[in-house]
N, C-alpha and C. Protein backbone atom coordinates (compact mmCIF):
# COMPACT_ATOMS: atom_id res chain seq x y z
N MET A 1 11.66 -25.42 7.21
CA MET A 1 11.44 -24.28 8.10
C MET A 1 11.83 -22.97 7.41
N LEU A 2 12.92 -22.97 6.67
CA LEU A 2 13.38 -21.76 5.99
C LEU A 2 12.34 -21.26 4.99
N TYR A 3 11.71 -22.18 4.24
CA TYR A 3 10.72 -21.77 3.25
C TYR A 3 9.49 -21.16 3.91
N ARG A 4 9.12 -21.71 5.06
CA ARG A 4 7.98 -21.13 5.78
C ARG A 4 8.30 -19.71 6.25
N ILE A 5 9.51 -19.50 6.70
CA ILE A 5 9.94 -18.16 7.12
C ILE A 5 9.89 -17.20 5.93
N ILE A 6 10.32 -17.69 4.76
CA ILE A 6 10.26 -16.86 3.55
C ILE A 6 8.81 -16.49 3.24
N GLY A 7 7.91 -17.46 3.29
CA GLY A 7 6.50 -17.18 3.03
C GLY A 7 5.91 -16.22 4.04
N ASP A 8 6.22 -16.43 5.32
CA ASP A 8 5.70 -15.54 6.37
C ASP A 8 6.27 -14.13 6.24
N THR A 9 7.54 -14.03 5.93
CA THR A 9 8.17 -12.72 5.76
C THR A 9 7.56 -11.97 4.58
N ALA A 10 7.34 -12.68 3.49
CA ALA A 10 6.70 -12.05 2.33
C ALA A 10 5.29 -11.57 2.69
N MET A 11 4.58 -12.34 3.51
CA MET A 11 3.23 -11.93 3.93
C MET A 11 3.30 -10.65 4.76
N VAL A 12 4.23 -10.56 5.69
CA VAL A 12 4.35 -9.37 6.54
C VAL A 12 4.75 -8.16 5.70
N ILE A 13 5.70 -8.34 4.79
CA ILE A 13 6.12 -7.23 3.92
C ILE A 13 4.96 -6.80 3.03
N HIS A 14 4.19 -7.76 2.56
CA HIS A 14 3.03 -7.47 1.72
C HIS A 14 2.02 -6.61 2.48
N LEU A 15 1.72 -6.99 3.70
CA LEU A 15 0.79 -6.22 4.52
C LEU A 15 1.34 -4.82 4.79
N ALA A 16 2.64 -4.73 5.08
CA ALA A 16 3.26 -3.43 5.31
C ALA A 16 3.17 -2.56 4.06
N PHE A 17 3.38 -3.14 2.90
CA PHE A 17 3.28 -2.40 1.64
C PHE A 17 1.86 -1.85 1.45
N ILE A 18 0.86 -2.69 1.71
CA ILE A 18 -0.53 -2.25 1.54
C ILE A 18 -0.85 -1.13 2.52
N LEU A 19 -0.41 -1.26 3.76
CA LEU A 19 -0.65 -0.20 4.74
C LEU A 19 0.06 1.09 4.34
N TYR A 20 1.30 0.96 3.86
CA TYR A 20 2.03 2.15 3.41
C TYR A 20 1.36 2.77 2.19
N MET A 21 0.89 1.92 1.29
CA MET A 21 0.22 2.44 0.10
C MET A 21 -1.03 3.23 0.50
N ALA A 22 -1.76 2.76 1.50
CA ALA A 22 -2.99 3.43 1.91
C ALA A 22 -2.72 4.66 2.79
N LEU A 23 -1.73 4.58 3.66
CA LEU A 23 -1.54 5.63 4.67
C LEU A 23 -0.19 6.34 4.60
N GLY A 24 0.64 5.98 3.66
CA GLY A 24 1.97 6.57 3.55
C GLY A 24 1.98 8.05 3.28
N GLY A 25 0.89 8.56 2.71
CA GLY A 25 0.79 9.99 2.48
C GLY A 25 0.85 10.78 3.79
N LEU A 26 0.39 10.16 4.87
CA LEU A 26 0.47 10.82 6.17
C LEU A 26 1.92 10.97 6.64
N LEU A 27 2.75 10.00 6.31
CA LEU A 27 4.18 10.11 6.66
C LEU A 27 4.82 11.28 5.93
N ALA A 28 4.35 11.55 4.73
CA ALA A 28 4.90 12.66 3.95
C ALA A 28 4.57 14.00 4.59
N TRP A 29 3.56 14.07 5.45
CA TRP A 29 3.28 15.31 6.17
C TRP A 29 4.44 15.66 7.08
N LYS A 30 5.04 14.65 7.67
CA LYS A 30 6.19 14.86 8.57
C LYS A 30 7.50 14.91 7.77
N TRP A 31 7.63 14.02 6.81
CA TRP A 31 8.84 13.93 5.99
C TRP A 31 8.43 14.07 4.52
N PRO A 32 8.33 15.30 4.02
CA PRO A 32 7.81 15.54 2.66
C PRO A 32 8.56 14.81 1.55
N ARG A 33 9.81 14.53 1.72
CA ARG A 33 10.56 13.84 0.65
C ARG A 33 10.08 12.41 0.42
N THR A 34 9.39 11.84 1.41
CA THR A 34 8.87 10.48 1.23
C THR A 34 7.66 10.44 0.31
N PHE A 35 7.16 11.61 -0.08
CA PHE A 35 6.02 11.65 -1.00
C PHE A 35 6.32 10.89 -2.28
N TRP A 36 7.52 11.04 -2.81
CA TRP A 36 7.84 10.42 -4.10
C TRP A 36 7.87 8.90 -3.99
N ILE A 37 8.31 8.39 -2.86
CA ILE A 37 8.26 6.94 -2.64
C ILE A 37 6.80 6.50 -2.56
N HIS A 38 6.01 7.27 -1.82
CA HIS A 38 4.60 6.93 -1.70
C HIS A 38 3.88 7.01 -3.04
N LEU A 39 4.20 8.00 -3.83
CA LEU A 39 3.59 8.12 -5.16
C LEU A 39 3.87 6.86 -5.98
N GLY A 40 5.12 6.41 -5.98
CA GLY A 40 5.47 5.19 -6.72
C GLY A 40 4.70 3.97 -6.22
N CYS A 41 4.62 3.83 -4.91
CA CYS A 41 3.88 2.70 -4.32
C CYS A 41 2.40 2.78 -4.66
N ALA A 42 1.83 3.97 -4.57
CA ALA A 42 0.41 4.14 -4.86
C ALA A 42 0.12 3.84 -6.33
N LEU A 43 0.98 4.31 -7.22
CA LEU A 43 0.77 4.03 -8.64
C LEU A 43 0.91 2.55 -8.95
N TYR A 44 1.88 1.90 -8.31
CA TYR A 44 2.05 0.47 -8.52
C TYR A 44 0.84 -0.30 -7.98
N GLY A 45 0.37 0.10 -6.79
CA GLY A 45 -0.82 -0.53 -6.23
C GLY A 45 -2.04 -0.34 -7.11
N LEU A 46 -2.16 0.85 -7.70
CA LEU A 46 -3.25 1.12 -8.63
C LEU A 46 -3.13 0.22 -9.86
N GLY A 47 -1.91 0.06 -10.34
CA GLY A 47 -1.68 -0.82 -11.49
C GLY A 47 -2.03 -2.26 -11.20
N ILE A 48 -1.74 -2.71 -9.99
CA ILE A 48 -2.09 -4.08 -9.60
C ILE A 48 -3.61 -4.24 -9.56
N SER A 49 -4.29 -3.25 -8.98
CA SER A 49 -5.74 -3.35 -8.81
C SER A 49 -6.51 -3.15 -10.11
N VAL A 50 -6.09 -2.17 -10.91
CA VAL A 50 -6.87 -1.80 -12.09
C VAL A 50 -6.39 -2.54 -13.34
N VAL A 51 -5.09 -2.55 -13.56
CA VAL A 51 -4.54 -3.14 -14.79
C VAL A 51 -4.32 -4.64 -14.65
N GLY A 52 -4.10 -5.09 -13.42
CA GLY A 52 -3.83 -6.51 -13.21
C GLY A 52 -2.36 -6.87 -13.26
N TRP A 53 -1.50 -5.88 -12.99
CA TRP A 53 -0.06 -6.17 -12.95
C TRP A 53 0.21 -7.24 -11.90
N PRO A 54 1.22 -8.04 -12.12
CA PRO A 54 1.55 -9.06 -11.12
C PRO A 54 2.26 -8.43 -9.92
N CYS A 55 2.06 -9.02 -8.76
CA CYS A 55 2.73 -8.55 -7.55
C CYS A 55 3.85 -9.53 -7.21
N PRO A 56 5.09 -9.09 -7.18
CA PRO A 56 6.18 -10.01 -6.89
C PRO A 56 6.10 -10.60 -5.49
N LEU A 57 5.53 -9.89 -4.54
CA LEU A 57 5.42 -10.44 -3.19
C LEU A 57 4.49 -11.64 -3.14
N THR A 58 3.47 -11.64 -3.97
CA THR A 58 2.57 -12.80 -4.04
C THR A 58 3.35 -14.02 -4.54
N HIS A 59 4.18 -13.81 -5.55
CA HIS A 59 4.98 -14.93 -6.09
C HIS A 59 5.98 -15.44 -5.05
N VAL A 60 6.61 -14.54 -4.31
CA VAL A 60 7.57 -14.96 -3.29
C VAL A 60 6.86 -15.74 -2.18
N GLU A 61 5.72 -15.23 -1.74
CA GLU A 61 4.99 -15.94 -0.68
C GLU A 61 4.55 -17.32 -1.15
N ASN A 62 3.99 -17.40 -2.35
CA ASN A 62 3.58 -18.70 -2.89
C ASN A 62 4.76 -19.65 -3.00
N TRP A 63 5.86 -19.15 -3.50
CA TRP A 63 7.06 -19.97 -3.67
C TRP A 63 7.50 -20.55 -2.32
N GLY A 64 7.57 -19.70 -1.31
CA GLY A 64 7.99 -20.17 0.01
C GLY A 64 7.00 -21.14 0.62
N ARG A 65 5.73 -20.82 0.54
CA ARG A 65 4.71 -21.68 1.15
C ARG A 65 4.63 -23.04 0.46
N GLU A 66 4.68 -23.05 -0.86
CA GLU A 66 4.60 -24.33 -1.58
C GLU A 66 5.80 -25.22 -1.27
N ARG A 67 6.97 -24.63 -1.15
CA ARG A 67 8.15 -25.42 -0.82
C ARG A 67 8.16 -25.87 0.65
N ALA A 68 7.38 -25.19 1.47
CA ALA A 68 7.24 -25.58 2.88
C ALA A 68 6.13 -26.61 3.06
N GLY A 69 5.47 -26.99 1.96
CA GLY A 69 4.39 -27.97 2.02
C GLY A 69 3.05 -27.36 2.39
N GLN A 70 2.94 -26.05 2.32
CA GLN A 70 1.68 -25.37 2.62
C GLN A 70 0.98 -25.00 1.32
N THR A 71 -0.27 -24.60 1.44
CA THR A 71 -0.96 -24.12 0.26
C THR A 71 -0.61 -22.66 0.05
N GLY A 72 -0.49 -22.29 -1.20
CA GLY A 72 -0.18 -20.90 -1.52
C GLY A 72 -1.43 -20.05 -1.52
N LEU A 73 -1.28 -18.83 -1.94
CA LEU A 73 -2.41 -17.91 -2.02
C LEU A 73 -3.33 -18.33 -3.15
N THR A 74 -4.56 -17.86 -3.08
CA THR A 74 -5.48 -18.10 -4.18
C THR A 74 -5.00 -17.31 -5.39
N GLU A 75 -5.56 -17.62 -6.53
CA GLU A 75 -5.14 -16.93 -7.76
C GLU A 75 -5.40 -15.43 -7.69
N GLU A 76 -6.41 -15.03 -6.91
CA GLU A 76 -6.73 -13.61 -6.78
C GLU A 76 -5.68 -12.84 -6.00
N GLY A 77 -4.93 -13.50 -5.14
CA GLY A 77 -3.81 -12.85 -4.46
C GLY A 77 -4.02 -12.58 -2.99
N PHE A 78 -3.13 -11.75 -2.47
CA PHE A 78 -3.02 -11.46 -1.05
C PHE A 78 -4.30 -10.88 -0.46
N ILE A 79 -4.83 -9.87 -1.10
CA ILE A 79 -6.00 -9.18 -0.54
C ILE A 79 -7.19 -10.12 -0.42
N ASP A 80 -7.47 -10.88 -1.48
CA ASP A 80 -8.59 -11.82 -1.41
C ASP A 80 -8.34 -12.93 -0.40
N HIS A 81 -7.11 -13.35 -0.25
CA HIS A 81 -6.79 -14.45 0.66
C HIS A 81 -6.86 -14.03 2.12
N TYR A 82 -6.29 -12.87 2.45
CA TYR A 82 -6.17 -12.47 3.86
C TYR A 82 -7.18 -11.42 4.32
N LEU A 83 -7.65 -10.57 3.42
CA LEU A 83 -8.46 -9.43 3.86
C LEU A 83 -9.94 -9.54 3.48
N THR A 84 -10.23 -9.84 2.21
CA THR A 84 -11.62 -9.89 1.77
C THR A 84 -12.33 -11.05 2.45
N GLY A 85 -13.44 -10.72 3.09
CA GLY A 85 -14.19 -11.73 3.82
C GLY A 85 -13.72 -11.91 5.25
N VAL A 86 -12.56 -11.34 5.57
CA VAL A 86 -12.04 -11.42 6.94
C VAL A 86 -12.13 -10.05 7.61
N ILE A 87 -11.56 -9.03 6.97
CA ILE A 87 -11.57 -7.66 7.50
C ILE A 87 -12.85 -6.94 7.07
N TYR A 88 -13.30 -7.20 5.87
CA TYR A 88 -14.51 -6.57 5.34
C TYR A 88 -15.23 -7.60 4.47
N PRO A 89 -16.55 -7.47 4.34
CA PRO A 89 -17.30 -8.43 3.51
C PRO A 89 -16.86 -8.37 2.05
N ALA A 90 -16.90 -9.51 1.40
CA ALA A 90 -16.44 -9.61 0.00
C ALA A 90 -17.21 -8.68 -0.92
N GLU A 91 -18.49 -8.46 -0.64
CA GLU A 91 -19.28 -7.61 -1.54
C GLU A 91 -18.91 -6.14 -1.43
N HIS A 92 -18.04 -5.78 -0.49
CA HIS A 92 -17.63 -4.39 -0.32
C HIS A 92 -16.19 -4.13 -0.80
N LEU A 93 -15.64 -5.03 -1.59
CA LEU A 93 -14.27 -4.87 -2.09
C LEU A 93 -14.11 -3.57 -2.85
N VAL A 94 -15.00 -3.27 -3.77
CA VAL A 94 -14.89 -2.05 -4.57
C VAL A 94 -15.02 -0.82 -3.67
N THR A 95 -15.91 -0.87 -2.69
CA THR A 95 -16.07 0.24 -1.75
C THR A 95 -14.78 0.49 -0.99
N VAL A 96 -14.15 -0.58 -0.54
CA VAL A 96 -12.88 -0.45 0.18
C VAL A 96 -11.80 0.12 -0.73
N GLN A 97 -11.73 -0.36 -1.96
CA GLN A 97 -10.73 0.15 -2.89
C GLN A 97 -10.93 1.64 -3.16
N VAL A 98 -12.17 2.05 -3.36
CA VAL A 98 -12.46 3.46 -3.57
C VAL A 98 -12.11 4.25 -2.31
N GLY A 99 -12.45 3.71 -1.15
CA GLY A 99 -12.13 4.37 0.11
C GLY A 99 -10.64 4.58 0.29
N VAL A 100 -9.85 3.57 -0.05
CA VAL A 100 -8.39 3.69 0.04
C VAL A 100 -7.91 4.77 -0.93
N GLY A 101 -8.45 4.78 -2.13
CA GLY A 101 -8.09 5.82 -3.09
C GLY A 101 -8.42 7.21 -2.59
N VAL A 102 -9.56 7.37 -1.97
CA VAL A 102 -9.95 8.67 -1.41
C VAL A 102 -9.00 9.08 -0.29
N VAL A 103 -8.65 8.13 0.57
CA VAL A 103 -7.70 8.44 1.66
C VAL A 103 -6.37 8.90 1.09
N VAL A 104 -5.87 8.20 0.07
CA VAL A 104 -4.59 8.57 -0.54
C VAL A 104 -4.68 10.00 -1.10
N VAL A 105 -5.72 10.28 -1.85
CA VAL A 105 -5.87 11.62 -2.45
C VAL A 105 -6.00 12.69 -1.36
N LEU A 106 -6.76 12.41 -0.30
CA LEU A 106 -6.91 13.38 0.78
C LEU A 106 -5.59 13.64 1.50
N THR A 107 -4.77 12.59 1.68
CA THR A 107 -3.47 12.82 2.33
C THR A 107 -2.56 13.65 1.43
N TRP A 108 -2.68 13.48 0.12
CA TRP A 108 -1.88 14.29 -0.80
C TRP A 108 -2.36 15.74 -0.79
N ILE A 109 -3.66 15.95 -0.73
CA ILE A 109 -4.18 17.32 -0.64
C ILE A 109 -3.70 17.96 0.65
N GLY A 110 -3.76 17.21 1.74
CA GLY A 110 -3.26 17.71 3.01
C GLY A 110 -1.78 18.06 2.94
N LEU A 111 -1.00 17.24 2.26
CA LEU A 111 0.42 17.53 2.10
C LEU A 111 0.63 18.81 1.30
N ALA A 112 -0.16 19.00 0.26
CA ALA A 112 -0.05 20.23 -0.54
C ALA A 112 -0.36 21.46 0.31
N VAL A 113 -1.41 21.38 1.12
CA VAL A 113 -1.77 22.50 1.99
C VAL A 113 -0.65 22.78 2.99
N LEU A 114 -0.12 21.73 3.61
CA LEU A 114 0.97 21.91 4.57
C LEU A 114 2.21 22.50 3.91
N THR A 115 2.52 22.04 2.71
CA THR A 115 3.69 22.54 1.99
C THR A 115 3.53 24.02 1.68
N LEU A 116 2.36 24.43 1.22
CA LEU A 116 2.11 25.85 0.94
C LEU A 116 2.23 26.68 2.22
N ARG A 117 1.70 26.20 3.31
CA ARG A 117 1.81 26.94 4.58
C ARG A 117 3.26 27.07 5.03
N ARG A 118 4.01 25.99 4.89
CA ARG A 118 5.43 26.03 5.28
C ARG A 118 6.21 27.02 4.43
N ARG A 119 5.91 27.05 3.15
CA ARG A 119 6.61 27.98 2.26
C ARG A 119 6.26 29.42 2.58
N ARG A 120 5.02 29.66 2.92
CA ARG A 120 4.61 31.03 3.28
C ARG A 120 5.28 31.51 4.55
N THR A 121 5.42 30.63 5.52
CA THR A 121 6.04 31.05 6.79
C THR A 121 7.54 31.22 6.63
N LYS A 122 8.15 30.56 5.67
CA LYS A 122 9.59 30.70 5.45
C LYS A 122 9.94 31.80 4.48
N ALA A 123 8.96 32.27 3.73
CA ALA A 123 9.22 33.31 2.73
C ALA A 123 9.56 34.64 3.44
N PRO A 124 10.62 35.32 2.97
CA PRO A 124 10.96 36.59 3.59
C PRO A 124 9.89 37.65 3.29
N THR A 125 9.62 38.47 4.27
CA THR A 125 8.63 39.52 4.06
C THR A 125 9.33 40.75 3.50
N ALA A 126 8.65 41.41 2.58
CA ALA A 126 9.20 42.63 1.97
C ALA A 126 8.98 43.80 2.91
N VAL A 127 10.02 44.62 3.09
CA VAL A 127 9.92 45.78 3.99
C VAL A 127 10.09 47.05 3.19
């Protein structure tokens, strides 16, 4: 039972990481200091997708599931196992990846605009 909980917990954390990677830039609009955390997550996610870096959450989930007597994730990982073909058709994987990248960049542009506006309103006016 403990190993299944480990596998399930890793799955939930994995999904939360992916959601934060895609939409965390919006949190930085409210809390600008979180931008740096989001930048690190986005870069790591990019490295996983483009370079093929390993994801430790995939290893933890597989470890827990295999010890619980379940099948682990496919070799392709979390996204192919849980999302591709379920949330969106498999032939649109690249489209979804590009879309997520565009959302991330747009949230960062929005953060830059908000930051500039905040600085202008706080800047003292010369008399």
